[in-house]
Every structure is written in structure tokens, then in C-alpha cells.
Amino acid sequence: MSIDEVIRLLQEIKDLGESGKETVSKAKSTAKKAKSVAKKVKRAPSAYNKYMKMKLAQLKKKHPRKKHAAVFKQAAKSWKRSPERKRSLK
């Protein structure tokens, strides 16, 4: 449902009078949610996110039977001494 449709519905409900107050408040909250969803833009992944995605894939390939938590810890430790981290700190 587009924002224009929600606004049109709000106007129709207002025309109904007092009996539609609950419906008006629900429609208003729906309109606000629709606007906020439309405005959200995904941020680009950070250097850490990119590194961890790549490193986790490599480590999982090397150690398929290890638990995710253990592999993640290993990848996080390697981030501390990686050249990508040093570049991101500048």
C-alpha cells in the first residue's frame, strides 16, 4: 500500500466522523511506518564486515567441523593483526 493510498483512506475515515477514531489512529500509524520504511537506506559494509565475511568463509572451508563460535573467534583475532584493520584506522 502506498503512502498516497493511506492518506486517501485517512481522509475518507475522517469524513465518517467520530465513529472512525480508532481506525484513524491505526491508519496514521500505518502511514508513519510506511514512510519510515521508504526512507531507510542500507549502509555500506565496514572494512571489518568485509574482512570477517571473507575470513569466515576461508576458515569454514579449511575447518568444516569446527563450531561457528570457534571459527568466529579465530577470525576476530586475525583481524587485530590484519593490514585491512590498519588501513581502516587511518
PDB file of N, CA and C in Angstrom:
ATOM      1  N   MET A   1       0.850  -1.158   0.000  1.00  0.00           N
ATOM      2  CA  MET A   1       0.000   0.000   0.000  1.00  0.00           C
ATOM      3  C   MET A   1       0.906   1.235   0.000  1.00  0.00           C
ATOM      4  N   SER A   2       0.648   2.143  -0.893  1.00  0.00           N
ATOM      5  CA  SER A   2       1.482   3.332  -0.993  1.00  0.00           C
ATOM      6  C   SER A   2       1.039   4.386   0.016  1.00  0.00           C
ATOM      7  N   ILE A   3       1.875   5.370   0.206  1.00  0.00           N
ATOM      8  CA  ILE A   3       1.582   6.448   1.142  1.00  0.00           C
ATOM      9  C   ILE A   3       0.365   7.248   0.680  1.00  0.00           C
ATOM     10  N   ASP A   4       0.262   7.456  -0.619  1.00  0.00           N
ATOM     11  CA  ASP A   4      -0.877   8.199  -1.157  1.00  0.00           C
ATOM     12  C   ASP A   4      -2.197   7.486  -0.855  1.00  0.00           C
ATOM     13  N   GLU A   5      -2.213   6.174  -0.966  1.00  0.00           N
ATOM     14  CA  GLU A   5      -3.421   5.409  -0.676  1.00  0.00           C
ATOM     15  C   GLU A   5      -3.791   5.529   0.797  1.00  0.00           C
ATOM     16  N   VAL A   6      -2.774   5.482   1.659  1.00  0.00           N
ATOM     17  CA  VAL A   6      -3.027   5.584   3.100  1.00  0.00           C
ATOM     18  C   VAL A   6      -3.611   6.952   3.427  1.00  0.00           C
ATOM     19  N   ILE A   7      -3.043   7.997   2.827  1.00  0.00           N
ATOM     20  CA  ILE A   7      -3.550   9.347   3.064  1.00  0.00           C
ATOM     21  C   ILE A   7      -4.998   9.478   2.583  1.00  0.00           C
ATOM     22  N   ARG A   8      -5.303   8.895   1.426  1.00  0.00           N
ATOM     23  CA  ARG A   8      -6.659   8.930   0.899  1.00  0.00           C
ATOM     24  C   ARG A   8      -7.626   8.220   1.847  1.00  0.00           C
ATOM     25  N   LEU A   9      -7.202   7.075   2.376  1.00  0.00           N
ATOM     26  CA  LEU A   9      -8.035   6.343   3.322  1.00  0.00           C
ATOM     27  C   LEU A   9      -8.250   7.142   4.602  1.00  0.00           C
ATOM     28  N   LEU A  10      -7.221   7.826   5.060  1.00  0.00           N
ATOM     29  CA  LEU A  10      -7.363   8.662   6.255  1.00  0.00           C
ATOM     30  C   LEU A  10      -8.428   9.738   6.046  1.00  0.00           C
ATOM     31  N   GLN A  11      -8.389  10.338   4.894  1.00  0.00           N
ATOM     32  CA  GLN A  11      -9.360  11.394   4.579  1.00  0.00           C
ATOM     33  C   GLN A  11     -10.780  10.829   4.561  1.00  0.00           C
ATOM     34  N   GLU A  12     -10.950   9.669   3.978  1.00  0.00           N
ATOM     35  CA  GLU A  12     -12.281   9.046   3.940  1.00  0.00           C
ATOM     36  C   GLU A  12     -12.771   8.721   5.341  1.00  0.00           C
ATOM     37  N   ILE A  13     -11.863   8.256   6.175  1.00  0.00           N
ATOM     38  CA  ILE A  13     -12.241   7.896   7.545  1.00  0.00           C
ATOM     39  C   ILE A  13     -12.610   9.148   8.329  1.00  0.00           C
ATOM     40  N   LYS A  14     -11.880  10.228   8.128  1.00  0.00           N
ATOM     41  CA  LYS A  14     -12.215  11.482   8.805  1.00  0.00           C
ATOM     42  C   LYS A  14     -13.613  11.932   8.434  1.00  0.00           C
ATOM     43  N   ASP A  15     -13.979  11.729   7.193  1.00  0.00           N
ATOM     44  CA  ASP A  15     -15.301  12.128   6.714  1.00  0.00           C
ATOM     45  C   ASP A  15     -16.410  11.318   7.394  1.00  0.00           C
ATOM     46  N   LEU A  16     -16.100  10.130   7.888  1.00  0.00           N
ATOM     47  CA  LEU A  16     -17.098   9.295   8.561  1.00  0.00           C
ATOM     48  C   LEU A  16     -17.520   9.887   9.905  1.00  0.00           C
ATOM     49  N   GLY A  17     -16.642  10.622  10.543  1.00  0.00           N
ATOM     50  CA  GLY A  17     -16.984  11.253  11.815  1.00  0.00           C
ATOM     51  C   GLY A  17     -16.336  10.570  12.991  1.00  0.00           C
ATOM     52  N   GLU A  18     -16.966  10.725  14.148  1.00  0.00           N
ATOM     53  CA  GLU A  18     -16.422  10.258  15.417  1.00  0.00           C
ATOM     54  C   GLU A  18     -16.279   8.741  15.492  1.00  0.00           C
ATOM     55  N   SER A  19     -17.101   7.991  14.790  1.00  0.00           N
ATOM     56  CA  SER A  19     -17.085   6.532  14.904  1.00  0.00           C
ATOM     57  C   SER A  19     -15.793   5.919  14.360  1.00  0.00           C
ATOM     58  N   GLY A  20     -15.071   6.669  13.571  1.00  0.00           N
ATOM     59  CA  GLY A  20     -13.867   6.114  12.959  1.00  0.00           C
ATOM     60  C   GLY A  20     -12.566   6.530  13.622  1.00  0.00           C
ATOM     61  N   LYS A  21     -12.616   7.010  14.893  1.00  0.00           N
ATOM     62  CA  LYS A  21     -11.403   7.490  15.557  1.00  0.00           C
ATOM     63  C   LYS A  21     -10.339   6.402  15.711  1.00  0.00           C
ATOM     64  N   GLU A  22     -10.742   5.224  16.122  1.00  0.00           N
ATOM     65  CA  GLU A  22      -9.777   4.124  16.291  1.00  0.00           C
ATOM     66  C   GLU A  22      -9.143   3.763  14.956  1.00  0.00           C
ATOM     67  N   THR A  23      -9.941   3.708  13.940  1.00  0.00           N
ATOM     68  CA  THR A  23      -9.446   3.374  12.616  1.00  0.00           C
ATOM     69  C   THR A  23      -8.485   4.444  12.114  1.00  0.00           C
ATOM     70  N   VAL A  24      -8.780   5.693  12.434  1.00  0.00           N
ATOM     71  CA  VAL A  24      -7.913   6.800  12.024  1.00  0.00           C
ATOM     72  C   VAL A  24      -6.539   6.644  12.671  1.00  0.00           C
ATOM     73  N   SER A  25      -6.511   6.339  13.957  1.00  0.00           N
ATOM     74  CA  SER A  25      -5.226   6.211  14.644  1.00  0.00           C
ATOM     75  C   SER A  25      -4.426   5.037  14.084  1.00  0.00           C
ATOM     76  N   LYS A  26      -5.100   3.936  13.765  1.00  0.00           N
ATOM     77  CA  LYS A  26      -4.406   2.790  13.162  1.00  0.00           C
ATOM     78  C   LYS A  26      -3.866   3.147  11.787  1.00  0.00           C
ATOM     79  N   ALA A  27      -4.646   3.868  11.015  1.00  0.00           N
ATOM     80  CA  ALA A  27      -4.208   4.260   9.675  1.00  0.00           C
ATOM     81  C   ALA A  27      -3.039   5.227   9.746  1.00  0.00           C
ATOM     82  N   LYS A  28      -3.052   6.126  10.729  1.00  0.00           N
ATOM     83  CA  LYS A  28      -1.946   7.065  10.890  1.00  0.00           C
ATOM     84  C   LYS A  28      -0.653   6.335  11.228  1.00  0.00           C
ATOM     85  N   SER A  29      -0.732   5.372  12.130  1.00  0.00           N
ATOM     86  CA  SER A  29       0.468   4.626  12.498  1.00  0.00           C
ATOM     87  C   SER A  29       0.979   3.813  11.309  1.00  0.00           C
ATOM     88  N   THR A  30       0.079   3.283  10.507  1.00  0.00           N
ATOM     89  CA  THR A  30       0.475   2.550   9.310  1.00  0.00           C
ATOM     90  C   THR A  30       1.159   3.482   8.321  1.00  0.00           C
ATOM     91  N   ALA A  31       0.660   4.691   8.191  1.00  0.00           N
ATOM     92  CA  ALA A  31       1.259   5.669   7.278  1.00  0.00           C
ATOM     93  C   ALA A  31       2.654   6.050   7.747  1.00  0.00           C
ATOM     94  N   LYS A  32       2.829   6.238   9.057  1.00  0.00           N
ATOM     95  CA  LYS A  32       4.139   6.582   9.597  1.00  0.00           C
ATOM     96  C   LYS A  32       5.141   5.457   9.343  1.00  0.00           C
ATOM     97  N   LYS A  33       4.709   4.229   9.555  1.00  0.00           N
ATOM     98  CA  LYS A  33       5.589   3.079   9.322  1.00  0.00           C
ATOM     99  C   LYS A  33       5.983   2.988   7.856  1.00  0.00           C
ATOM    100  N   ALA A  34       5.032   3.241   6.972  1.00  0.00           N
ATOM    101  CA  ALA A  34       5.309   3.176   5.536  1.00  0.00           C
ATOM    102  C   ALA A  34       6.342   4.229   5.145  1.00  0.00           C
ATOM    103  N   LYS A  35       6.233   5.420   5.720  1.00  0.00           N
ATOM    104  CA  LYS A  35       7.198   6.481   5.428  1.00  0.00           C
ATOM    105  C   LYS A  35       8.587   6.114   5.932  1.00  0.00           C
ATOM    106  N   SER A  36       8.679   5.584   7.152  1.00  0.00           N
ATOM    107  CA  SER A  36       9.989   5.258   7.715  1.00  0.00           C
ATOM    108  C   SER A  36      10.657   4.123   6.947  1.00  0.00           C
ATOM    109  N   VAL A  37       9.872   3.167   6.492  1.00  0.00           N
ATOM    110  CA  VAL A  37      10.433   2.061   5.709  1.00  0.00           C
ATOM    111  C   VAL A  37      10.946   2.574   4.373  1.00  0.00           C
ATOM    112  N   ALA A  38      10.226   3.510   3.783  1.00  0.00           N
ATOM    113  CA  ALA A  38      10.624   4.048   2.491  1.00  0.00           C
ATOM    114  C   ALA A  38      11.914   4.861   2.594  1.00  0.00           C
ATOM    115  N   LYS A  39      12.172   5.503   3.736  1.00  0.00           N
ATOM    116  CA  LYS A  39      13.338   6.356   3.901  1.00  0.00           C
ATOM    117  C   LYS A  39      14.613   5.582   4.227  1.00  0.00           C
ATOM    118  N   LYS A  40      14.518   4.407   4.816  1.00  0.00           N
ATOM    119  CA  LYS A  40      15.695   3.664   5.257  1.00  0.00           C
ATOM    120  C   LYS A  40      16.565   3.253   4.079  1.00  0.00           C
ATOM    121  N   VAL A  41      17.845   3.506   4.225  1.00  0.00           N
ATOM    122  CA  VAL A  41      18.818   3.129   3.209  1.00  0.00           C
ATOM    123  C   VAL A  41      19.883   2.300   3.892  1.00  0.00           C
ATOM    124  N   LYS A  42      20.244   1.192   3.277  1.00  0.00           N
ATOM    125  CA  LYS A  42      21.250   0.321   3.851  1.00  0.00           C
ATOM    126  C   LYS A  42      22.623   0.947   3.737  1.00  0.00           C
ATOM    127  N   ARG A  43      23.383   0.891   4.831  1.00  0.00           N
ATOM    128  CA  ARG A  43      24.742   1.416   4.806  1.00  0.00           C
ATOM    129  C   ARG A  43      25.667   0.411   4.145  1.00  0.00           C
ATOM    130  N   ALA A  44      26.778   0.921   3.632  1.00  0.00           N
ATOM    131  CA  ALA A  44      27.789   0.053   3.040  1.00  0.00           C
ATOM    132  C   ALA A  44      28.489  -0.699   4.172  1.00  0.00           C
ATOM    133  N   PRO A  45      28.896  -1.940   3.928  1.00  0.00           N
ATOM    134  CA  PRO A  45      29.585  -2.695   4.981  1.00  0.00           C
ATOM    135  C   PRO A  45      30.943  -2.071   5.303  1.00  0.00           C
ATOM    136  N   SER A  46      31.311  -2.135   6.579  1.00  0.00           N
ATOM    137  CA  SER A  46      32.592  -1.579   7.015  1.00  0.00           C
ATOM    138  C   SER A  46      33.723  -2.512   6.598  1.00  0.00           C
ATOM    139  N   ALA A  47      34.949  -2.051   6.797  1.00  0.00           N
ATOM    140  CA  ALA A  47      36.121  -2.872   6.481  1.00  0.00           C
ATOM    141  C   ALA A  47      36.101  -4.150   7.316  1.00  0.00           C
ATOM    142  N   TYR A  48      35.673  -4.030   8.579  1.00  0.00           N
ATOM    143  CA  TYR A  48      35.582  -5.192   9.465  1.00  0.00           C
ATOM    144  C   TYR A  48      34.567  -6.199   8.940  1.00  0.00           C
ATOM    145  N   ASN A  49      33.404  -5.714   8.525  1.00  0.00           N
ATOM    146  CA  ASN A  49      32.369  -6.611   7.999  1.00  0.00           C
ATOM    147  C   ASN A  49      32.848  -7.364   6.765  1.00  0.00           C
ATOM    148  N   LYS A  50      33.494  -6.648   5.868  1.00  0.00           N
ATOM    149  CA  LYS A  50      34.006  -7.280   4.653  1.00  0.00           C
ATOM    150  C   LYS A  50      35.061  -8.328   4.983  1.00  0.00           C
ATOM    151  N   TYR A  51      35.977  -7.964   5.889  1.00  0.00           N
ATOM    152  CA  TYR A  51      37.058  -8.871   6.269  1.00  0.00           C
ATOM    153  C   TYR A  51      36.500 -10.134   6.921  1.00  0.00           C
ATOM    154  N   MET A  52      35.560  -9.951   7.861  1.00  0.00           N
ATOM    155  CA  MET A  52      35.011 -11.105   8.576  1.00  0.00           C
ATOM    156  C   MET A  52      34.249 -12.032   7.634  1.00  0.00           C
ATOM    157  N   LYS A  53      33.537 -11.488   6.688  1.00  0.00           N
ATOM    158  CA  LYS A  53      32.805 -12.318   5.736  1.00  0.00           C
ATOM    159  C   LYS A  53      33.776 -13.187   4.934  1.00  0.00           C
ATOM    160  N   MET A  54      34.859 -12.545   4.469  1.00  0.00           N
ATOM    161  CA  MET A  54      35.852 -13.266   3.668  1.00  0.00           C
ATOM    162  C   MET A  54      36.588 -14.304   4.524  1.00  0.00           C
ATOM    163  N   LYS A  55      37.017 -13.881   5.729  1.00  0.00           N
ATOM    164  CA  LYS A  55      37.816 -14.762   6.589  1.00  0.00           C
ATOM    165  C   LYS A  55      36.982 -15.939   7.105  1.00  0.00           C
ATOM    166  N   LEU A  56      35.730 -15.697   7.456  1.00  0.00           N
ATOM    167  CA  LEU A  56      34.876 -16.787   7.925  1.00  0.00           C
ATOM    168  C   LEU A  56      34.682 -17.842   6.835  1.00  0.00           C
ATOM    169  N   ALA A  57      34.507 -17.396   5.616  1.00  0.00           N
ATOM    170  CA  ALA A  57      34.339 -18.345   4.509  1.00  0.00           C
ATOM    171  C   ALA A  57      35.596 -19.188   4.339  1.00  0.00           C
ATOM    172  N   GLN A  58      36.762 -18.555   4.429  1.00  0.00           N
ATOM    173  CA  GLN A  58      38.029 -19.286   4.292  1.00  0.00           C
ATOM    174  C   GLN A  58      38.202 -20.298   5.421  1.00  0.00           C
ATOM    175  N   LEU A  59      37.970 -19.854   6.644  1.00  0.00           N
ATOM    176  CA  LEU A  59      38.170 -20.732   7.789  1.00  0.00           C
ATOM    177  C   LEU A  59      37.163 -21.882   7.817  1.00  0.00           C
ATOM    178  N   LYS A  60      35.937 -21.619   7.417  1.00  0.00           N
ATOM    179  CA  LYS A  60      34.933 -22.690   7.399  1.00  0.00           C
ATOM    180  C   LYS A  60      35.261 -23.728   6.327  1.00  0.00           C
ATOM    181  N   LYS A  61      35.881 -23.272   5.263  1.00  0.00           N
ATOM    182  CA  LYS A  61      36.286 -24.199   4.213  1.00  0.00           C
ATOM    183  C   LYS A  61      37.420 -25.099   4.717  1.00  0.00           C
ATOM    184  N   LYS A  62      38.367 -24.498   5.459  1.00  0.00           N
ATOM    185  CA  LYS A  62      39.504 -25.250   5.998  1.00  0.00           C
ATOM    186  C   LYS A  62      39.082 -26.184   7.127  1.00  0.00           C
ATOM    187  N   HIS A  63      38.169 -25.705   7.986  1.00  0.00           N
ATOM    188  CA  HIS A  63      37.752 -26.451   9.171  1.00  0.00           C
ATOM    189  C   HIS A  63      36.235 -26.613   9.192  1.00  0.00           C
ATOM    190  N   PRO A  64      35.699 -27.499   8.356  1.00  0.00           N
ATOM    191  CA  PRO A  64      34.240 -27.618   8.248  1.00  0.00           C
ATOM    192  C   PRO A  64      33.550 -28.157   9.504  1.00  0.00           C
ATOM    193  N   ARG A  65      34.271 -28.872  10.338  1.00  0.00           N
ATOM    194  CA  ARG A  65      33.636 -29.482  11.514  1.00  0.00           C
ATOM    195  C   ARG A  65      33.704 -28.593  12.758  1.00  0.00           C
ATOM    196  N   LYS A  66      34.459 -27.524  12.709  1.00  0.00           N
ATOM    197  CA  LYS A  66      34.547 -26.629  13.857  1.00  0.00           C
ATOM    198  C   LYS A  66      33.236 -25.863  14.027  1.00  0.00           C
ATOM    199  N   LYS A  67      32.931 -25.531  15.267  1.00  0.00           N
ATOM    200  CA  LYS A  67      31.727 -24.754  15.551  1.00  0.00           C
ATOM    201  C   LYS A  67      31.927 -23.324  15.065  1.00  0.00           C
ATOM    202  N   HIS A  68      30.809 -22.682  14.758  1.00  0.00           N
ATOM    203  CA  HIS A  68      30.851 -21.309  14.248  1.00  0.00           C
ATOM    204  C   HIS A  68      31.525 -20.358  15.247  1.00  0.00           C
ATOM    205  N   ALA A  69      31.243 -20.517  16.527  1.00  0.00           N
ATOM    206  CA  ALA A  69      31.803 -19.627  17.550  1.00  0.00           C
ATOM    207  C   ALA A  69      33.328 -19.704  17.569  1.00  0.00           C
ATOM    208  N   ALA A  70      33.869 -20.906  17.454  1.00  0.00           N
ATOM    209  CA  ALA A  70      35.328 -21.074  17.469  1.00  0.00           C
ATOM    210  C   ALA A  70      35.957 -20.454  16.222  1.00  0.00           C
ATOM    211  N   VAL A  71      35.325 -20.651  15.093  1.00  0.00           N
ATOM    212  CA  VAL A  71      35.835 -20.080  13.843  1.00  0.00           C
ATOM    213  C   VAL A  71      35.751 -18.561  13.891  1.00  0.00           C
ATOM    214  N   PHE A  72      34.674 -18.039  14.452  1.00  0.00           N
ATOM    215  CA  PHE A  72      34.492 -16.592  14.541  1.00  0.00           C
ATOM    216  C   PHE A  72      35.561 -15.966  15.446  1.00  0.00           C
ATOM    217  N   LYS A  73      35.867 -16.610  16.566  1.00  0.00           N
ATOM    218  CA  LYS A  73      36.905 -16.108  17.463  1.00  0.00           C
ATOM    219  C   LYS A  73      38.254 -16.056  16.757  1.00  0.00           C
ATOM    220  N   GLN A  74      38.539 -17.099  16.001  1.00  0.00           N
ATOM    221  CA  GLN A  74      39.798 -17.163  15.265  1.00  0.00           C
ATOM    222  C   GLN A  74      39.867 -16.031  14.231  1.00  0.00           C
ATOM    223  N   ALA A  75      38.785 -15.788  13.541  1.00  0.00           N
ATOM    224  CA  ALA A  75      38.748 -14.722  12.542  1.00  0.00           C
ATOM    225  C   ALA A  75      38.887 -13.349  13.201  1.00  0.00           C
ATOM    226  N   ALA A  76      38.245 -13.168  14.351  1.00  0.00           N
ATOM    227  CA  ALA A  76      38.327 -11.887  15.059  1.00  0.00           C
ATOM    228  C   ALA A  76      39.746 -11.620  15.543  1.00  0.00           C
ATOM    229  N   LYS A  77      40.435 -12.658  16.007  1.00  0.00           N
ATOM    230  CA  LYS A  77      41.830 -12.486  16.428  1.00  0.00           C
ATOM    231  C   LYS A  77      42.704 -12.093  15.247  1.00  0.00           C
ATOM    232  N   SER A  78      42.451 -12.691  14.104  1.00  0.00           N
ATOM    233  CA  SER A  78      43.270 -12.379  12.939  1.00  0.00           C
ATOM    234  C   SER A  78      43.010 -10.959  12.432  1.00  0.00           C
ATOM    235  N   TRP A  79      41.814 -10.406  12.735  1.00  0.00           N
ATOM    236  CA  TRP A  79      41.504  -9.022  12.336  1.00  0.00           C
ATOM    237  C   TRP A  79      42.451  -8.032  13.029  1.00  0.00           C
ATOM    238  N   LYS A  80      42.818  -8.334  14.275  1.00  0.00           N
ATOM    239  CA  LYS A  80      43.662  -7.417  15.039  1.00  0.00           C
ATOM    240  C   LYS A  80      45.007  -7.160  14.359  1.00  0.00           C
ATOM    241  N   ARG A  81      45.528  -8.168  13.692  1.00  0.00           N
ATOM    242  CA  ARG A  81      46.848  -8.003  13.067  1.00  0.00           C
ATOM    243  C   ARG A  81      46.785  -7.918  11.535  1.00  0.00           C
ATOM    244  N   SER A  82      45.602  -7.724  11.003  1.00  0.00           N
ATOM    245  CA  SER A  82      45.453  -7.691   9.550  1.00  0.00           C
ATOM    246  C   SER A  82      45.791  -6.310   8.981  1.00  0.00           C
ATOM    247  N   PRO A  83      46.276  -6.256   7.764  1.00  0.00           N
ATOM    248  CA  PRO A  83      46.583  -4.957   7.137  1.00  0.00           C
ATOM    249  C   PRO A  83      45.317  -4.150   6.828  1.00  0.00           C
ATOM    250  N   GLU A  84      44.174  -4.803   6.639  1.00  0.00           N
ATOM    251  CA  GLU A  84      42.922  -4.099   6.383  1.00  0.00           C
ATOM    252  C   GLU A  84      42.518  -3.245   7.587  1.00  0.00           C
ATOM    253  N   ARG A  85      42.771  -3.758   8.789  1.00  0.00           N
ATOM    254  CA  ARG A  85      42.451  -3.018  10.012  1.00  0.00           C
ATOM    255  C   ARG A  85      43.298  -1.761  10.090  1.00  0.00           C
ATOM    256  N   LYS A  86      44.573  -1.903   9.805  1.00  0.00           N
ATOM    257  CA  LYS A  86      45.475  -0.764   9.887  1.00  0.00           C
ATOM    258  C   LYS A  86      45.070   0.326   8.900  1.00  0.00           C
ATOM    259  N   ARG A  87      44.570  -0.088   7.725  1.00  0.00           N
ATOM    260  CA  ARG A  87      44.115   0.887   6.729  1.00  0.00           C
ATOM    261  C   ARG A  87      42.825   1.573   7.175  1.00  0.00           C
ATOM    262  N   SER A  88      41.973   0.819   7.869  1.00  0.00           N
ATOM    263  CA  SER A  88      40.694   1.399   8.287  1.00  0.00           C
ATOM    264  C   SER A  88      40.865   2.365   9.444  1.00  0.00           C
ATOM    265  N   LEU A  89      41.960   2.258  10.185  1.00  0.00           N
ATOM    266  CA  LEU A  89      42.193   3.146  11.331  1.00  0.00           C
ATOM    267  C   LEU A  89      42.714   4.518  10.915  1.00  0.00           C
ATOM    268  N   LYS A  90      43.220   4.616   9.724  1.00  0.00           N
ATOM    269  CA  LYS A  90      43.809   5.899   9.270  1.00  0.00           C
ATOM    270  C   LYS A  90      42.783   6.933   8.985  1.00  0.00           C
TER     271      LYS A  90
END
